[in-house]
Amino acid sequence: MKMPRPARIMDSVSCEECGELTMETRTRRFRGKTLCIPCFGRIEQR
């Protein structure tokens, strides 16, 4: 049996709206800001 490859460790970045640390791959860019998904959803719906 072949061993799975090791998990990639991603950097945490701070959401520019709420300040919460979020895994880099779980952020969205909006108007030049890096946002967590909940903040992105709130801002995009305005």
N, C-alpha and C. Protein backbone atom coordinates (compact mmCIF):
# COMPACT_ATOMS: atom_id res chain seq x y z
N MET A 1 0.85 -1.18 0.00
CA MET A 1 0.00 0.00 0.00
C MET A 1 0.90 1.24 0.00
N LYS A 2 0.54 2.19 -0.82
CA LYS A 2 1.31 3.42 -0.95
C LYS A 2 0.84 4.45 0.10
N MET A 3 1.79 5.07 0.77
CA MET A 3 1.47 6.08 1.78
C MET A 3 1.02 7.38 1.09
N PRO A 4 0.00 8.04 1.67
CA PRO A 4 -0.42 9.33 1.09
C PRO A 4 0.66 10.38 1.32
N ARG A 5 0.68 11.38 0.47
CA ARG A 5 1.67 12.43 0.66
C ARG A 5 1.28 13.29 1.87
N PRO A 6 2.26 13.92 2.48
CA PRO A 6 1.99 14.76 3.66
C PRO A 6 1.07 15.93 3.31
N ALA A 7 0.28 16.35 4.28
CA ALA A 7 -0.61 17.49 4.08
C ALA A 7 0.21 18.77 3.94
N ARG A 8 -0.27 19.68 3.10
CA ARG A 8 0.39 20.97 2.97
C ARG A 8 -0.06 21.88 4.10
N ILE A 9 0.86 22.55 4.72
CA ILE A 9 0.55 23.50 5.77
C ILE A 9 0.51 24.89 5.13
N MET A 10 -0.64 25.53 5.22
CA MET A 10 -0.81 26.84 4.61
C MET A 10 -0.64 27.93 5.67
N ASP A 11 -0.23 29.11 5.24
CA ASP A 11 -0.07 30.25 6.14
C ASP A 11 -1.44 30.77 6.57
N SER A 12 -1.48 31.36 7.75
CA SER A 12 -2.67 32.07 8.21
C SER A 12 -2.49 33.54 7.90
N VAL A 13 -3.56 34.17 7.44
CA VAL A 13 -3.54 35.60 7.16
C VAL A 13 -4.69 36.25 7.92
N SER A 14 -4.53 37.51 8.19
CA SER A 14 -5.54 38.24 8.94
C SER A 14 -6.56 38.86 7.98
N CYS A 15 -7.84 38.66 8.29
CA CYS A 15 -8.91 39.29 7.50
C CYS A 15 -8.82 40.80 7.73
N GLU A 16 -8.85 41.56 6.65
CA GLU A 16 -8.72 43.01 6.77
C GLU A 16 -10.01 43.68 7.22
N GLU A 17 -11.08 42.93 7.36
CA GLU A 17 -12.35 43.47 7.83
C GLU A 17 -12.54 43.19 9.32
N CYS A 18 -12.42 41.94 9.75
CA CYS A 18 -12.69 41.58 11.15
C CYS A 18 -11.43 41.26 11.95
N GLY A 19 -10.30 41.05 11.28
CA GLY A 19 -9.05 40.78 11.96
C GLY A 19 -8.81 39.32 12.32
N GLU A 20 -9.75 38.45 12.03
CA GLU A 20 -9.60 37.03 12.36
C GLU A 20 -8.55 36.36 11.49
N LEU A 21 -7.72 35.51 12.10
CA LEU A 21 -6.75 34.74 11.33
C LEU A 21 -7.47 33.63 10.58
N THR A 22 -7.17 33.50 9.31
CA THR A 22 -7.83 32.53 8.44
C THR A 22 -6.79 31.87 7.55
N MET A 23 -6.97 30.58 7.29
CA MET A 23 -6.06 29.88 6.40
C MET A 23 -6.08 30.57 5.03
N GLU A 24 -4.91 30.76 4.48
CA GLU A 24 -4.75 31.51 3.23
C GLU A 24 -5.70 31.04 2.12
N THR A 25 -5.92 29.75 2.01
CA THR A 25 -6.78 29.23 0.95
C THR A 25 -8.27 29.45 1.23
N ARG A 26 -8.60 29.93 2.42
CA ARG A 26 -9.99 30.19 2.79
C ARG A 26 -10.29 31.68 2.83
N THR A 27 -9.56 32.45 2.05
CA THR A 27 -9.78 33.90 1.97
C THR A 27 -10.21 34.26 0.56
N ARG A 28 -10.77 35.44 0.44
CA ARG A 28 -11.17 35.98 -0.86
C ARG A 28 -10.60 37.39 -0.97
N ARG A 29 -10.29 37.80 -2.20
CA ARG A 29 -9.82 39.16 -2.46
C ARG A 29 -11.01 39.97 -2.98
N PHE A 30 -11.20 41.16 -2.43
CA PHE A 30 -12.30 42.02 -2.86
C PHE A 30 -11.84 43.46 -2.74
N ARG A 31 -11.79 44.16 -3.86
CA ARG A 31 -11.36 45.56 -3.91
C ARG A 31 -10.03 45.78 -3.21
N GLY A 32 -9.09 44.86 -3.43
CA GLY A 32 -7.75 45.00 -2.89
C GLY A 32 -7.57 44.54 -1.46
N LYS A 33 -8.65 44.06 -0.82
CA LYS A 33 -8.56 43.58 0.56
C LYS A 33 -8.62 42.06 0.60
N THR A 34 -7.95 41.48 1.60
CA THR A 34 -8.03 40.05 1.86
C THR A 34 -9.07 39.84 2.94
N LEU A 35 -10.12 39.06 2.61
CA LEU A 35 -11.24 38.88 3.53
C LEU A 35 -11.50 37.41 3.81
N CYS A 36 -11.96 37.11 5.05
CA CYS A 36 -12.43 35.76 5.33
C CYS A 36 -13.75 35.55 4.59
N ILE A 37 -14.19 34.33 4.45
CA ILE A 37 -15.39 34.04 3.66
C ILE A 37 -16.64 34.71 4.24
N PRO A 38 -16.87 34.69 5.58
CA PRO A 38 -18.07 35.39 6.09
C PRO A 38 -18.06 36.89 5.80
N CYS A 39 -16.93 37.56 5.96
CA CYS A 39 -16.86 39.00 5.66
C CYS A 39 -17.04 39.24 4.17
N PHE A 40 -16.45 38.41 3.34
CA PHE A 40 -16.62 38.55 1.89
C PHE A 40 -18.09 38.46 1.52
N GLY A 41 -18.81 37.50 2.09
CA GLY A 41 -20.24 37.34 1.80
C GLY A 41 -21.05 38.55 2.20
N ARG A 42 -20.76 39.12 3.37
CA ARG A 42 -21.49 40.31 3.83
C ARG A 42 -21.20 41.51 2.94
N ILE A 43 -19.95 41.73 2.58
CA ILE A 43 -19.57 42.89 1.78
C ILE A 43 -20.06 42.77 0.35
N GLU A 44 -19.97 41.56 -0.20
CA GLU A 44 -20.40 41.36 -1.60
C GLU A 44 -21.89 41.59 -1.76
N GLN A 45 -22.69 41.31 -0.74
CA GLN A 45 -24.15 41.45 -0.84
C GLN A 45 -24.63 42.89 -0.68
N ARG A 46 -23.75 43.81 -0.24
CA ARG A 46 -24.15 45.21 -0.07
C ARG A 46 -24.49 45.86 -1.37
